[in-house]
Amino acid sequence: MAIVHSQASGMGGIRTAGDLVARMQLAKSMRLNDAKKFVADKLKVSLLDLTDEVTMREVREDLDIANVFMGYGAGSRGIEAKANISKLLELEINCVEKFKKKTGMLFK
């Protein structure tokens, strides 16, 4: 866990794509380079763009998967952002699945 966290932090976390890469490493036991390639393909960006804060800010806003630069009320936050990430990465996230079951809500 410490290694994954340090790698994600090194990529900028939610400022770039570090959180998404770390999620794939943990959830699918992917190696770092494989996780980066997978995320880059899903986001339709290059590997270098994954660490570019300006590019990733625009990508995250377009895909509505949360961004530290978004002001209050702009874009998704919390469970909604996680649901969007879950759908984008084709990944089951426990808290999203529990929320769906509990509330019966459907996400876009």
Protein backbone atom coordinates (compact mmCIF):
# COMPACT_ATOMS: atom_id res chain seq x y z
CA MET A 1 0.00 0.00 0.00
CA ALA A 2 2.79 2.45 0.83
CA ILE A 3 4.41 1.94 -2.56
CA VAL A 4 1.15 2.47 -4.44
CA HIS A 5 0.43 5.58 -2.38
CA SER A 6 3.87 7.05 -3.05
CA GLN A 7 3.53 6.40 -6.78
CA ALA A 8 0.07 7.97 -6.90
CA SER A 9 1.23 10.97 -4.91
CA GLY A 10 4.22 11.30 -7.20
CA MET A 11 1.86 11.50 -10.17
CA GLY A 12 -0.11 14.29 -8.53
CA GLY A 13 -3.03 12.26 -7.21
CA ILE A 14 -6.36 13.81 -8.20
CA ARG A 15 -4.57 16.81 -9.74
CA THR A 16 -3.58 14.50 -12.58
CA ALA A 17 -4.37 10.78 -12.92
CA GLY A 18 -2.45 9.32 -9.99
CA ASP A 19 -5.59 8.31 -8.12
CA LEU A 20 -6.92 6.42 -11.15
CA VAL A 21 -3.62 4.63 -11.74
CA ALA A 22 -3.36 3.66 -8.07
CA ARG A 23 -6.95 2.38 -8.11
CA MET A 24 -6.14 0.10 -11.05
CA GLN A 25 -2.95 -1.13 -9.38
CA LEU A 26 -4.84 -2.08 -6.24
CA ALA A 27 -8.09 -3.36 -7.76
CA LYS A 28 -6.66 -5.33 -10.65
CA SER A 29 -3.13 -6.06 -9.35
CA MET A 30 -1.65 -4.23 -12.33
CA ARG A 31 1.98 -3.26 -12.57
CA LEU A 32 2.57 0.51 -12.64
CA ASN A 33 3.27 0.77 -16.37
CA ASP A 34 0.29 -1.44 -17.24
CA ALA A 35 -2.00 0.65 -15.03
CA LYS A 36 -0.76 3.88 -16.61
CA LYS A 37 -1.36 2.53 -20.11
CA PHE A 38 -4.83 1.25 -19.19
CA VAL A 39 -5.86 4.60 -17.68
CA ALA A 40 -4.36 6.59 -20.57
CA ASP A 41 -6.32 4.46 -23.05
CA LYS A 42 -9.57 4.89 -21.10
CA LEU A 43 -9.05 8.67 -20.86
CA LYS A 44 -7.93 8.83 -24.51
CA VAL A 45 -4.73 10.70 -23.65
CA SER A 46 -1.03 9.94 -24.00
CA LEU A 47 1.07 8.54 -21.17
CA LEU A 48 2.80 11.91 -20.80
CA ASP A 49 -0.56 13.67 -20.44
CA LEU A 50 -1.34 11.61 -17.32
CA THR A 51 1.05 13.81 -15.33
CA ASP A 52 0.14 17.13 -16.96
CA GLU A 53 -2.07 19.08 -14.55
CA VAL A 54 -3.51 21.38 -17.21
CA THR A 55 -4.48 18.59 -19.60
CA MET A 56 -5.84 16.37 -16.84
CA ARG A 57 -7.87 19.21 -15.38
CA GLU A 58 -9.70 19.53 -18.70
CA VAL A 59 -10.06 15.77 -19.11
CA ARG A 60 -11.39 15.31 -15.57
CA GLU A 61 -13.87 18.16 -16.03
CA ASP A 62 -15.08 16.77 -19.38
CA LEU A 63 -15.54 13.27 -17.94
CA ASP A 64 -16.98 14.61 -14.65
CA ILE A 65 -14.68 12.50 -12.47
CA ALA A 66 -13.86 15.16 -9.87
CA ASN A 67 -11.10 17.68 -9.78
CA VAL A 68 -9.42 19.59 -6.95
CA PHE A 69 -9.76 22.81 -8.94
CA MET A 70 -13.55 22.66 -9.22
CA GLY A 71 -15.42 25.15 -7.13
CA TYR A 72 -18.33 24.24 -4.91
CA GLY A 73 -21.29 23.11 -6.99
CA ALA A 74 -19.25 22.59 -10.16
CA GLY A 75 -19.02 19.00 -11.32
CA SER A 76 -19.40 15.79 -9.38
CA ARG A 77 -18.04 15.14 -5.93
CA GLY A 78 -17.87 12.18 -3.60
CA ILE A 79 -19.96 9.15 -4.47
CA GLU A 80 -21.12 10.63 -7.78
CA ALA A 81 -17.51 11.11 -8.92
CA LYS A 82 -16.67 7.56 -7.80
CA ALA A 83 -19.64 6.23 -9.76
CA ASN A 84 -18.39 8.04 -12.86
CA ILE A 85 -14.88 6.62 -12.29
CA SER A 86 -16.35 3.14 -11.81
CA LYS A 87 -18.18 3.35 -15.11
CA LEU A 88 -15.20 4.86 -16.97
CA LEU A 89 -12.68 2.29 -15.75
CA GLU A 90 -15.18 -0.58 -15.90
CA LEU A 91 -14.41 -1.26 -12.28
CA GLU A 92 -16.60 -2.25 -9.37
CA ILE A 93 -16.10 0.11 -6.43
CA ASN A 94 -17.61 -1.24 -3.20
CA CYS A 95 -19.01 2.03 -1.85
CA VAL A 96 -20.67 2.78 -5.19
CA GLU A 97 -22.25 -0.67 -5.36
CA LYS A 98 -23.48 -0.41 -1.77
CA PHE A 99 -24.91 3.05 -2.44
CA LYS A 100 -26.72 1.79 -5.54
CA LYS A 101 -28.24 -1.13 -3.61
CA LYS A 102 -29.22 1.00 -0.65
CA THR A 103 -30.82 3.80 -2.60
CA GLY A 104 -31.81 2.10 -5.82
CA MET A 105 -30.27 5.03 -7.68
CA LEU A 106 -29.09 4.78 -11.24
CA PHE A 107 -26.09 6.73 -12.39
CA LYS A 108 -25.72 8.34 -15.78
